[in-house]
Amino acid sequence: MLQRRSIMTAVILLILGGALLFAPVASLAQQAVADQSSVEVSTPAPPAAPKIDSGDTAWMLTSSALVLLMTAPGLALFYAGLVRRKNALGTIMHSFITLALISIQWTLFGYSLAFGPDTGGLIGNLAWVGLQGVGLDPNPDYAATIPHQAYMVYQMMFAAITPALITGAFAERMKFSSFLLFTLLWSTLIYDPLAHWVWGVGGWLRTMGALDFAGGTAVHISSGASALAAALIVGRRRGHPVEPMPPHNLTMTVTGAALLWFGWFGFNAGSAVAANKLATSAFVVTHVAAAAATLAWMLAEWSFRGKPTVLGAASGAVAGLVAITPAAGFVGPLSAIMIGASAGVLCYSACILKARLGYDDALDVVGVHGVGGTWGALATGLFASKAINPDGPNGLFFGNPGQLGIQAIAVVASMALAFVGTIVLLKIIDALMGLRVNDEEEQIGLDLSQHDETAYIL
């Protein structure tokens, strides 16, 4: 047994060390080629008027559909399989109804708050309320080759999945009515401002130079920090941690994880906002990071517990996808392996630590999305390379240590807004209508108590 664990540990270290050794070398070589090719200087032509490109538009509409698939059925199945049978439908409903609720919120005013004309670097104004001014012509501030509404609907899918991620923290115990109000308020008061900080023209984190290609801060750190706040405020499930609460359907969970992996190509490669070289690079690094994290989590669990689990492999894949998200447009394949493998070990360790700390994050949102998103945002400041994306800066490993500091500021700011804001919102909702179902309703399950249905007829 000791020998097998030693072998597993050695393999993990080999993966991490090898990727760390070769990633900077490979990207430096790519940088040299890029620098050599840029020696010739020519007079720049005047900028052409924005024109819709059918290929870019087709890719962005496809990417929007892929990100929609991540929420329902991807996340819905992933989470539903992890809860007990009596809560399966209620858990699916969280993701499904969030998609509908936030789509309407985004159309009415959410998009305007997140991406509309800047107000002090903190939030967009309401100039685009009801999508007024968001038409079928390009908006060169965000995407010069696709209709503005195509960019809007792509970002809508990000806005929908983010609050759905948080639901894993309070699964099996929150009132459905309270969940709906929380989701609407959280999206409006936390996600929309944070998205403006990071991606909106004039947003203060974007202006400062923070890098977040596809949502490490705005999506994963915000959902992870909010999940921790929710787990603390809502409290433990009835019987936790004494009563066993194993997943009721791991087949469903692995299916959901596979759909998340598939949809994530739209999440990351789509963030290039064009069908181009950068989208290809983001596609490749997304896949290899997920693969590296799957293997690293499996090997870490195998070494620690003596056996690899299917749940561990699925969780590792999601951890790798989370971690590569902010870096996807700035790093090469070897850097992605390092980021993914590290995420597998770090997120597995965080999930183990949860039991010792005693909070009941039912579906490990903090350990996977919070820790994975934080590592990914910081890793972007380490591995970013102009050889991959000439429009971005280098990271610490390529001569620009200041980028890591900027990334750290973005991480802290995102955590602070999400954690404090979530606590305030939950306290208000608890005072107004209560957060939890009562003991009897929790005992019979959310499927019956909240929806008068059951997932299975046995």
Protein backbone atom coordinates (compact mmCIF):
# COMPACT_ATOMS: atom_id res chain seq x y z
CA MET A 1 0.00 0.00 0.00
CA LEU A 2 2.80 2.46 0.93
CA GLN A 3 4.65 1.61 -2.26
CA ARG A 4 1.55 2.27 -4.38
CA ARG A 5 0.94 5.60 -2.66
CA SER A 6 4.56 6.59 -3.22
CA ILE A 7 4.22 5.80 -6.91
CA MET A 8 1.05 7.88 -7.19
CA THR A 9 2.68 10.80 -5.41
CA ALA A 10 5.71 10.60 -7.70
CA VAL A 11 3.49 10.66 -10.77
CA ILE A 12 1.67 13.75 -9.50
CA LEU A 13 4.96 15.53 -8.84
CA LEU A 14 6.23 14.51 -12.28
CA ILE A 15 3.18 16.01 -13.99
CA LEU A 16 3.42 19.26 -12.03
CA GLY A 17 7.18 19.61 -12.27
CA GLY A 18 7.41 18.72 -15.93
CA ALA A 19 4.73 21.17 -16.97
CA LEU A 20 6.25 23.90 -14.79
CA LEU A 21 9.68 23.27 -16.36
CA PHE A 22 8.63 23.27 -19.99
CA ALA A 23 5.75 25.75 -20.09
CA PRO A 24 7.92 28.90 -19.78
CA VAL A 25 10.49 27.50 -22.25
CA ALA A 26 7.85 26.74 -24.88
CA SER A 27 6.17 30.10 -24.57
CA LEU A 28 9.52 31.96 -24.66
CA ALA A 29 10.28 30.21 -27.94
CA GLN A 30 6.88 31.25 -29.27
CA GLN A 31 7.61 34.80 -28.08
CA ALA A 32 10.89 34.86 -30.04
CA VAL A 33 9.14 33.80 -33.21
CA ALA A 34 6.45 36.42 -32.68
CA ASP A 35 9.05 39.13 -32.06
CA GLN A 36 11.01 38.16 -35.19
CA SER A 37 7.90 38.28 -37.35
CA SER A 38 7.03 41.74 -36.09
CA VAL A 39 10.30 43.39 -37.23
CA GLU A 40 8.84 44.64 -40.49
CA VAL A 41 7.05 47.94 -40.01
CA SER A 42 4.36 49.20 -42.30
CA THR A 43 2.12 52.20 -42.26
CA PRO A 44 -1.19 51.22 -40.65
CA ALA A 45 -4.25 51.48 -42.84
CA PRO A 46 -7.21 53.50 -41.60
CA PRO A 47 -9.64 51.36 -39.58
CA ALA A 48 -12.42 49.84 -41.63
CA ALA A 49 -16.04 50.34 -40.67
CA PRO A 50 -17.48 47.48 -38.61
CA LYS A 51 -18.83 44.74 -40.83
CA ILE A 52 -20.64 41.55 -39.85
CA ASP A 53 -18.71 38.37 -40.55
CA SER A 54 -20.95 35.35 -41.10
CA GLY A 55 -18.36 32.88 -39.79
CA ASP A 56 -17.81 34.81 -36.56
CA THR A 57 -21.56 35.20 -36.10
CA ALA A 58 -22.19 31.49 -36.63
CA TRP A 59 -19.48 30.61 -34.11
CA MET A 60 -20.81 33.00 -31.48
CA LEU A 61 -24.40 31.77 -31.84
CA THR A 62 -23.10 28.20 -31.54
CA SER A 63 -21.03 29.15 -28.49
CA SER A 64 -24.11 30.74 -26.91
CA ALA A 65 -25.99 27.47 -27.34
CA LEU A 66 -23.05 25.53 -25.87
CA VAL A 67 -23.00 27.72 -22.75
CA LEU A 68 -26.78 27.33 -22.42
CA LEU A 69 -26.24 23.57 -22.50
CA MET A 70 -23.81 23.92 -19.59
CA THR A 71 -26.61 25.19 -17.34
CA ALA A 72 -29.39 22.90 -18.48
CA PRO A 73 -28.86 20.00 -18.82
CA GLY A 74 -25.14 20.04 -17.85
CA LEU A 75 -25.07 21.62 -14.40
CA ALA A 76 -28.62 20.47 -13.64
CA LEU A 77 -27.67 16.80 -14.07
CA PHE A 78 -24.26 17.19 -12.43
CA TYR A 79 -25.78 18.64 -9.26
CA ALA A 80 -28.93 16.49 -9.27
CA GLY A 81 -26.95 13.27 -9.20
CA LEU A 82 -24.99 14.44 -6.16
CA VAL A 83 -27.99 15.03 -3.90
CA ARG A 84 -30.30 12.49 -2.28
CA ARG A 85 -33.12 11.04 -4.36
CA LYS A 86 -35.80 13.08 -2.58
CA ASN A 87 -34.16 16.32 -3.73
CA ALA A 88 -33.27 15.47 -7.33
CA LEU A 89 -36.08 17.39 -9.05
CA GLY A 90 -35.72 20.39 -6.76
CA THR A 91 -32.02 20.56 -7.61
CA ILE A 92 -32.68 20.31 -11.36
CA MET A 93 -35.28 23.05 -10.97
CA HIS A 94 -32.67 25.42 -9.52
CA SER A 95 -30.62 25.39 -12.72
CA PHE A 96 -33.57 25.22 -15.09
CA ILE A 97 -35.53 28.12 -13.62
CA THR A 98 -32.40 30.24 -13.17
CA LEU A 99 -31.86 30.04 -16.92
CA ALA A 100 -35.37 31.42 -17.51
CA LEU A 101 -35.31 34.04 -14.74
CA ILE A 102 -31.95 35.56 -15.62
CA SER A 103 -32.69 35.56 -19.34
CA ILE A 104 -35.58 37.95 -18.67
CA GLN A 105 -33.59 40.01 -16.14
CA TRP A 106 -30.71 40.31 -18.62
CA THR A 107 -33.02 41.43 -21.42
CA LEU A 108 -34.83 44.02 -19.31
CA PHE A 109 -31.92 45.66 -17.49
CA GLY A 110 -29.10 43.25 -16.57
CA TYR A 111 -27.16 43.64 -19.82
CA SER A 112 -27.35 47.40 -19.57
CA LEU A 113 -26.00 47.34 -16.00
CA ALA A 114 -23.15 45.00 -16.94
CA PHE A 115 -22.10 46.27 -20.37
CA GLY A 116 -23.88 49.57 -20.85
CA PRO A 117 -22.18 52.99 -20.90
CA ASP A 118 -19.87 53.28 -17.90
CA THR A 119 -20.72 55.07 -14.67
CA GLY A 120 -17.60 55.76 -12.63
CA GLY A 121 -15.94 52.46 -13.48
CA LEU A 122 -18.40 50.60 -11.24
CA ILE A 123 -21.50 49.83 -13.28
CA GLY A 124 -23.21 50.51 -16.59
CA ASN A 125 -26.11 52.91 -16.80
CA LEU A 126 -29.62 52.11 -18.01
CA ALA A 127 -29.20 53.48 -21.52
CA TRP A 128 -29.72 49.98 -22.93
CA VAL A 129 -32.71 49.03 -20.77
CA GLY A 130 -35.01 46.64 -22.60
CA LEU A 131 -32.20 46.22 -25.17
CA GLN A 132 -32.88 49.71 -26.47
CA GLY A 133 -29.88 50.54 -28.63
CA VAL A 134 -28.75 46.90 -28.71
CA GLY A 135 -29.55 46.04 -32.30
CA LEU A 136 -28.34 43.88 -35.16
CA ASP A 137 -25.38 46.04 -36.13
CA PRO A 138 -21.97 45.46 -34.50
CA ASN A 139 -20.82 47.35 -31.43
CA PRO A 140 -17.06 47.77 -32.00
CA ASP A 141 -16.43 48.33 -28.29
CA TYR A 142 -17.21 44.64 -27.69
CA ALA A 143 -17.37 42.80 -31.02
CA ALA A 144 -16.80 44.42 -34.39
CA THR A 145 -17.79 41.50 -36.61
CA ILE A 146 -21.02 40.16 -35.08
CA PRO A 147 -24.42 41.71 -34.34
CA HIS A 148 -24.59 43.42 -30.97
CA GLN A 149 -27.46 41.16 -29.99
CA ALA A 150 -25.29 38.10 -30.68
CA TYR A 151 -22.76 39.39 -28.15
CA MET A 152 -25.56 40.21 -25.73
CA VAL A 153 -27.10 36.72 -25.86
CA TYR A 154 -23.67 35.11 -25.44
CA GLN A 155 -23.11 37.10 -22.26
CA MET A 156 -26.66 36.24 -21.17
CA MET A 157 -25.66 32.60 -20.88
CA PHE A 158 -22.76 33.52 -18.59
CA ALA A 159 -25.10 35.55 -16.44
CA ALA A 160 -27.46 32.57 -16.15
CA ILE A 161 -24.98 29.88 -15.17
CA THR A 162 -23.20 31.90 -12.48
CA PRO A 163 -26.00 32.05 -9.88
CA ALA A 164 -26.92 28.47 -10.77
CA LEU A 165 -23.44 27.41 -9.59
CA ILE A 166 -24.11 28.85 -6.14
CA THR A 167 -27.12 26.59 -5.60
CA GLY A 168 -24.83 23.64 -4.89
CA ALA A 169 -23.85 25.24 -1.59
CA PHE A 170 -27.39 25.37 -0.16
CA ALA A 171 -28.80 22.32 -1.95
CA GLU A 172 -31.49 20.28 -0.16
CA ARG A 173 -32.58 22.96 2.30
CA MET A 174 -33.58 26.37 0.86
CA LYS A 175 -37.16 27.48 0.22
CA PHE A 176 -37.87 27.82 -3.48
CA SER A 177 -39.45 31.27 -3.09
CA SER A 178 -36.42 32.53 -1.18
CA PHE A 179 -34.11 31.01 -3.78
CA LEU A 180 -35.90 32.91 -6.58
CA LEU A 181 -35.62 36.25 -4.80
CA PHE A 182 -31.99 35.64 -3.90
CA THR A 183 -31.09 34.71 -7.48
CA LEU A 184 -32.70 37.85 -8.90
CA LEU A 185 -31.12 40.17 -6.35
CA TRP A 186 -27.70 38.50 -6.50
CA SER A 187 -27.55 38.74 -10.27
CA THR A 188 -28.58 42.40 -10.25
CA LEU A 189 -26.51 43.66 -7.33
CA ILE A 190 -23.43 41.42 -7.46
CA TYR A 191 -22.95 39.75 -10.84
CA ASP A 192 -23.89 42.70 -13.05
CA PRO A 193 -21.54 45.19 -11.33
CA LEU A 194 -18.73 42.62 -11.18
CA ALA A 195 -19.12 41.79 -14.88
CA HIS A 196 -18.85 45.51 -15.61
CA TRP A 197 -15.69 45.81 -13.47
CA VAL A 198 -14.01 43.00 -15.39
CA TRP A 199 -15.37 43.20 -18.96
CA GLY A 200 -17.32 46.43 -19.38
CA VAL A 201 -15.73 49.32 -21.24
CA GLY A 202 -14.59 51.65 -18.46
CA GLY A 203 -14.81 49.00 -15.72
CA TRP A 204 -12.12 49.67 -13.14
CA LEU A 205 -10.57 46.17 -13.14
CA ARG A 206 -10.47 46.10 -16.93
CA THR A 207 -8.92 49.57 -17.00
CA MET A 208 -6.33 48.48 -14.42
CA GLY A 209 -5.30 45.64 -16.75
CA ALA A 210 -6.78 42.61 -14.94
CA LEU A 211 -7.01 39.56 -17.22
CA ASP A 212 -10.12 37.37 -17.18
CA PHE A 213 -10.62 35.79 -20.58
CA ALA A 214 -13.83 33.88 -19.86
CA GLY A 215 -14.93 34.29 -16.26
CA GLY A 216 -12.46 33.31 -13.54
CA THR A 217 -13.36 36.32 -11.40
CA ALA A 218 -16.81 37.25 -12.65
CA VAL A 219 -18.15 33.67 -12.71
CA HIS A 220 -16.13 31.26 -10.59
CA ILE A 221 -14.61 33.36 -7.81
CA SER A 222 -17.89 35.21 -7.35
CA SER A 223 -19.92 31.99 -7.18
CA GLY A 224 -17.36 30.31 -4.90
CA ALA A 225 -17.21 33.21 -2.44
CA SER A 226 -21.00 33.54 -2.47
CA ALA A 227 -21.33 29.79 -1.93
CA LEU A 228 -19.20 30.02 1.21
CA ALA A 229 -21.34 32.87 2.53
CA ALA A 230 -24.53 30.94 1.73
CA ALA A 231 -23.31 27.77 3.42
CA LEU A 232 -22.50 29.74 6.58
CA ILE A 233 -25.73 31.76 6.66
CA VAL A 234 -28.20 29.04 5.60
CA GLY A 235 -26.55 26.49 7.89
CA ARG A 236 -26.04 22.76 7.71
CA ARG A 237 -28.49 20.26 6.34
CA ARG A 238 -30.56 18.43 8.91
CA GLY A 239 -28.46 15.51 10.16
CA HIS A 240 -25.16 16.75 8.71
CA PRO A 241 -22.46 15.50 9.31
CA VAL A 242 -23.72 12.52 11.35
CA GLU A 243 -26.23 11.14 8.85
CA PRO A 244 -24.77 9.66 5.63
CA MET A 245 -25.75 11.73 2.58
CA PRO A 246 -24.21 9.95 -0.44
CA PRO A 247 -24.99 10.92 -4.05
CA HIS A 248 -28.05 9.11 -5.29
CA ASN A 249 -27.07 8.78 -8.97
CA LEU A 250 -23.44 9.10 -10.01
CA THR A 251 -24.31 8.07 -13.56
CA MET A 252 -26.34 11.27 -13.80
CA THR A 253 -23.46 13.27 -12.33
CA VAL A 254 -20.88 11.95 -14.79
CA THR A 255 -23.27 12.64 -17.68
CA GLY A 256 -23.62 16.20 -16.42
CA ALA A 257 -19.84 16.56 -16.10
CA ALA A 258 -19.38 15.37 -19.70
CA LEU A 259 -21.94 17.90 -20.91
CA LEU A 260 -20.15 20.63 -18.94
CA TRP A 261 -16.85 19.67 -20.56
CA PHE A 262 -18.48 19.77 -24.00
CA GLY A 263 -20.22 23.09 -23.38
CA TRP A 264 -17.08 24.66 -21.92
CA PHE A 265 -15.62 24.98 -25.41
CA GLY A 266 -18.27 27.60 -26.07
CA PHE A 267 -17.55 29.16 -22.69
CA ASN A 268 -13.80 29.60 -23.32
CA ALA A 269 -13.19 29.42 -27.06
CA GLY A 270 -16.29 31.53 -27.64
CA SER A 271 -14.76 34.29 -25.53
CA ALA A 272 -12.44 35.07 -28.44
CA VAL A 273 -15.65 36.55 -29.96
CA ALA A 274 -14.54 35.35 -33.39
CA ALA A 275 -13.76 32.16 -35.26
CA ASN A 276 -10.02 32.77 -35.34
CA LYS A 277 -6.60 31.62 -34.12
CA LEU A 278 -7.25 32.75 -30.56
CA ALA A 279 -10.45 30.71 -30.39
CA THR A 280 -8.47 27.68 -31.55
CA SER A 281 -5.82 28.22 -28.90
CA ALA A 282 -8.44 28.64 -26.19
CA PHE A 283 -10.20 25.47 -27.36
CA VAL A 284 -6.99 23.43 -27.15
CA VAL A 285 -5.87 24.66 -23.73
CA THR A 286 -9.37 24.20 -22.32
CA HIS A 287 -9.31 20.53 -23.25
CA VAL A 288 -5.79 19.70 -22.08
CA ALA A 289 -6.28 21.54 -18.77
CA ALA A 290 -9.42 19.52 -18.07
CA ALA A 291 -7.63 16.30 -18.95
CA ALA A 292 -4.65 17.13 -16.71
CA ALA A 293 -6.91 18.01 -13.79
CA THR A 294 -8.90 14.79 -14.21
CA LEU A 295 -5.73 12.73 -13.96
CA ALA A 296 -4.25 14.77 -11.13
CA TRP A 297 -7.41 14.57 -8.98
CA MET A 298 -7.67 10.84 -9.64
CA LEU A 299 -4.04 10.22 -8.71
CA ALA A 300 -4.22 12.41 -5.62
CA GLU A 301 -7.36 10.62 -4.44
CA TRP A 302 -5.84 7.24 -5.26
CA SER A 303 -2.77 8.09 -3.20
CA PHE A 304 -4.79 9.49 -0.29
CA ARG A 305 -7.71 7.04 -0.14
CA GLY A 306 -6.28 3.95 -1.79
CA LYS A 307 -8.80 3.88 -4.65
CA PRO A 308 -9.76 6.23 -7.49
CA THR A 309 -13.44 7.16 -7.77
CA VAL A 310 -15.63 8.09 -10.71
CA LEU A 311 -16.91 11.10 -8.77
CA GLY A 312 -13.33 12.23 -8.25
CA ALA A 313 -12.54 12.01 -11.95
CA ALA A 314 -15.66 14.02 -12.84
CA SER A 315 -14.91 16.62 -10.17
CA GLY A 316 -11.33 16.88 -11.38
CA ALA A 317 -12.47 17.62 -14.93
CA VAL A 318 -14.68 20.46 -13.70
CA ALA A 319 -11.87 21.82 -11.51
CA GLY A 320 -9.53 21.95 -14.51
CA LEU A 321 -12.15 23.66 -16.65
CA VAL A 322 -12.71 26.25 -13.93
CA ALA A 323 -9.01 26.97 -13.50
CA ILE A 324 -8.20 27.41 -17.19
CA THR A 325 -11.18 29.73 -17.79
CA PRO A 326 -9.50 33.07 -16.96
CA ALA A 327 -6.26 32.05 -18.68
CA ALA A 328 -7.67 30.37 -21.79
CA GLY A 329 -6.85 33.23 -24.14
CA PHE A 330 -3.41 33.96 -22.75
CA VAL A 331 -1.53 30.67 -22.24
CA GLY A 332 -0.21 27.78 -24.33
CA PRO A 333 -0.80 24.03 -23.97
CA LEU A 334 2.07 23.25 -21.59
CA SER A 335 1.08 26.09 -19.29
CA ALA A 336 -2.49 24.76 -19.44
CA ILE A 337 -1.31 21.32 -18.30
CA MET A 338 0.39 22.92 -15.32
CA ILE A 339 -2.68 24.99 -14.46
CA GLY A 340 -5.02 22.01 -14.81
CA ALA A 341 -2.86 19.52 -12.90
CA SER A 342 -2.36 21.98 -10.05
CA ALA A 343 -6.10 22.66 -9.96
CA GLY A 344 -6.84 18.94 -9.60
CA VAL A 345 -4.61 18.64 -6.53
CA LEU A 346 -5.58 22.00 -4.98
CA CYS A 347 -9.33 21.53 -5.38
CA TYR A 348 -9.21 17.96 -4.08
CA SER A 349 -7.31 19.18 -1.03
CA ALA A 350 -9.84 21.98 -0.48
CA CYS A 351 -12.74 19.52 -0.56
CA ILE A 352 -11.02 17.38 2.07
CA LEU A 353 -10.37 20.45 4.21
CA LYS A 354 -14.09 21.33 4.14
CA ALA A 355 -14.90 18.46 6.49
CA ARG A 356 -12.34 19.69 9.00
CA LEU A 357 -13.66 23.26 8.88
CA GLY A 358 -17.23 22.05 9.43
CA TYR A 359 -19.26 24.17 6.99
CA ASP A 360 -21.83 22.37 4.83
CA ASP A 361 -21.12 23.29 1.23
CA ALA A 362 -23.26 20.44 -0.02
CA LEU A 363 -21.84 20.07 -3.54
CA ASP A 364 -18.33 21.54 -3.08
CA VAL A 365 -18.87 24.83 -4.88
CA VAL A 366 -16.25 26.51 -2.69
CA GLY A 367 -13.64 23.81 -3.18
CA VAL A 368 -14.05 23.53 -6.95
CA HIS A 369 -15.19 26.94 -8.19
CA GLY A 370 -13.84 29.17 -5.44
CA VAL A 371 -10.42 27.56 -5.13
CA GLY A 372 -10.18 26.63 -8.81
CA GLY A 373 -11.20 30.11 -9.95
CA THR A 374 -8.74 31.77 -7.56
CA TRP A 375 -5.87 29.58 -8.71
CA GLY A 376 -6.81 30.17 -12.35
CA ALA A 377 -6.88 33.95 -11.96
CA LEU A 378 -3.50 33.98 -10.22
CA ALA A 379 -2.05 31.47 -12.67
CA THR A 380 -3.00 33.84 -15.47
CA GLY A 381 -0.67 36.36 -13.86
CA LEU A 382 2.06 33.71 -13.88
CA PHE A 383 1.72 32.09 -17.30
CA ALA A 384 0.22 34.78 -19.57
CA SER A 385 2.33 35.20 -22.70
CA LYS A 386 2.24 37.73 -25.53
CA ALA A 387 3.39 34.90 -27.77
CA ILE A 388 -0.09 33.44 -27.37
CA ASN A 389 -2.05 36.70 -27.31
CA PRO A 390 -0.16 39.78 -28.53
CA ASP A 391 -2.97 42.00 -27.26
CA GLY A 392 -2.40 40.88 -23.67
CA PRO A 393 0.55 41.34 -21.30
CA ASN A 394 3.15 38.82 -20.23
CA GLY A 395 2.91 37.23 -16.81
CA LEU A 396 5.51 36.82 -14.10
CA PHE A 397 7.23 33.84 -15.74
CA PHE A 398 7.79 35.94 -18.88
CA GLY A 399 9.21 39.05 -17.28
CA ASN A 400 6.20 40.97 -15.98
CA PRO A 401 5.78 40.39 -12.22
CA GLY A 402 3.35 43.30 -11.96
CA GLN A 403 0.63 41.30 -13.71
CA LEU A 404 0.45 38.88 -10.80
CA GLY A 405 -0.20 41.78 -8.44
CA ILE A 406 -2.99 43.06 -10.68
CA GLN A 407 -4.53 39.60 -10.75
CA ALA A 408 -4.37 39.40 -6.95
CA ILE A 409 -6.23 42.72 -6.65
CA ALA A 410 -8.94 41.42 -8.99
CA VAL A 411 -9.26 38.22 -6.90
CA VAL A 412 -9.60 40.09 -3.60
CA ALA A 413 -12.06 42.63 -5.03
CA SER A 414 -14.25 39.90 -6.53
CA MET A 415 -14.23 37.88 -3.32
CA ALA A 416 -15.09 40.89 -1.18
CA LEU A 417 -18.04 42.02 -3.29
CA ALA A 418 -19.47 38.50 -3.61
CA PHE A 419 -18.95 37.36 0.00
CA VAL A 420 -20.12 40.51 1.76
CA GLY A 421 -22.92 41.17 -0.72
CA THR A 422 -24.26 37.63 -0.38
CA ILE A 423 -24.30 37.81 3.41
CA VAL A 424 -26.26 41.08 3.29
CA LEU A 425 -28.77 39.73 0.76
CA LEU A 426 -29.37 36.49 2.64
CA LYS A 427 -29.82 38.29 5.94
CA ILE A 428 -32.43 40.58 4.39
CA ILE A 429 -34.29 37.71 2.71
CA ASP A 430 -34.21 35.68 5.93
CA ALA A 431 -35.78 38.59 7.81
CA LEU A 432 -38.45 39.06 5.16
CA MET A 433 -39.52 35.49 4.36
CA GLY A 434 -37.07 33.00 5.86
CA LEU A 435 -34.43 31.03 4.00
CA ARG A 436 -34.95 27.41 4.94
CA VAL A 437 -37.74 24.92 4.69
CA ASN A 438 -38.90 23.63 8.05
CA ASP A 439 -37.66 20.35 9.53
CA GLU A 440 -40.62 18.32 8.27
CA GLU A 441 -40.28 19.67 4.72
CA GLU A 442 -36.57 19.00 4.71
CA GLN A 443 -37.18 15.47 5.97
CA ILE A 444 -39.58 14.56 3.16
CA GLY A 445 -37.43 16.36 0.59
CA LEU A 446 -37.70 19.42 -1.63
CA ASP A 447 -39.29 17.51 -4.50
CA LEU A 448 -42.49 16.91 -2.55
CA SER A 449 -42.44 19.85 -0.15
CA GLN A 450 -41.63 22.56 -2.73
CA HIS A 451 -42.93 21.14 -6.02
CA ASP A 452 -45.37 18.34 -5.12
CA GLU A 453 -43.53 15.95 -7.46
CA THR A 454 -41.12 13.07 -7.25
CA ALA A 455 -38.21 12.28 -9.53
CA TYR A 456 -38.74 8.52 -9.58
CA ILE A 457 -41.76 6.22 -9.43
CA LEU A 458 -40.41 3.02 -7.83
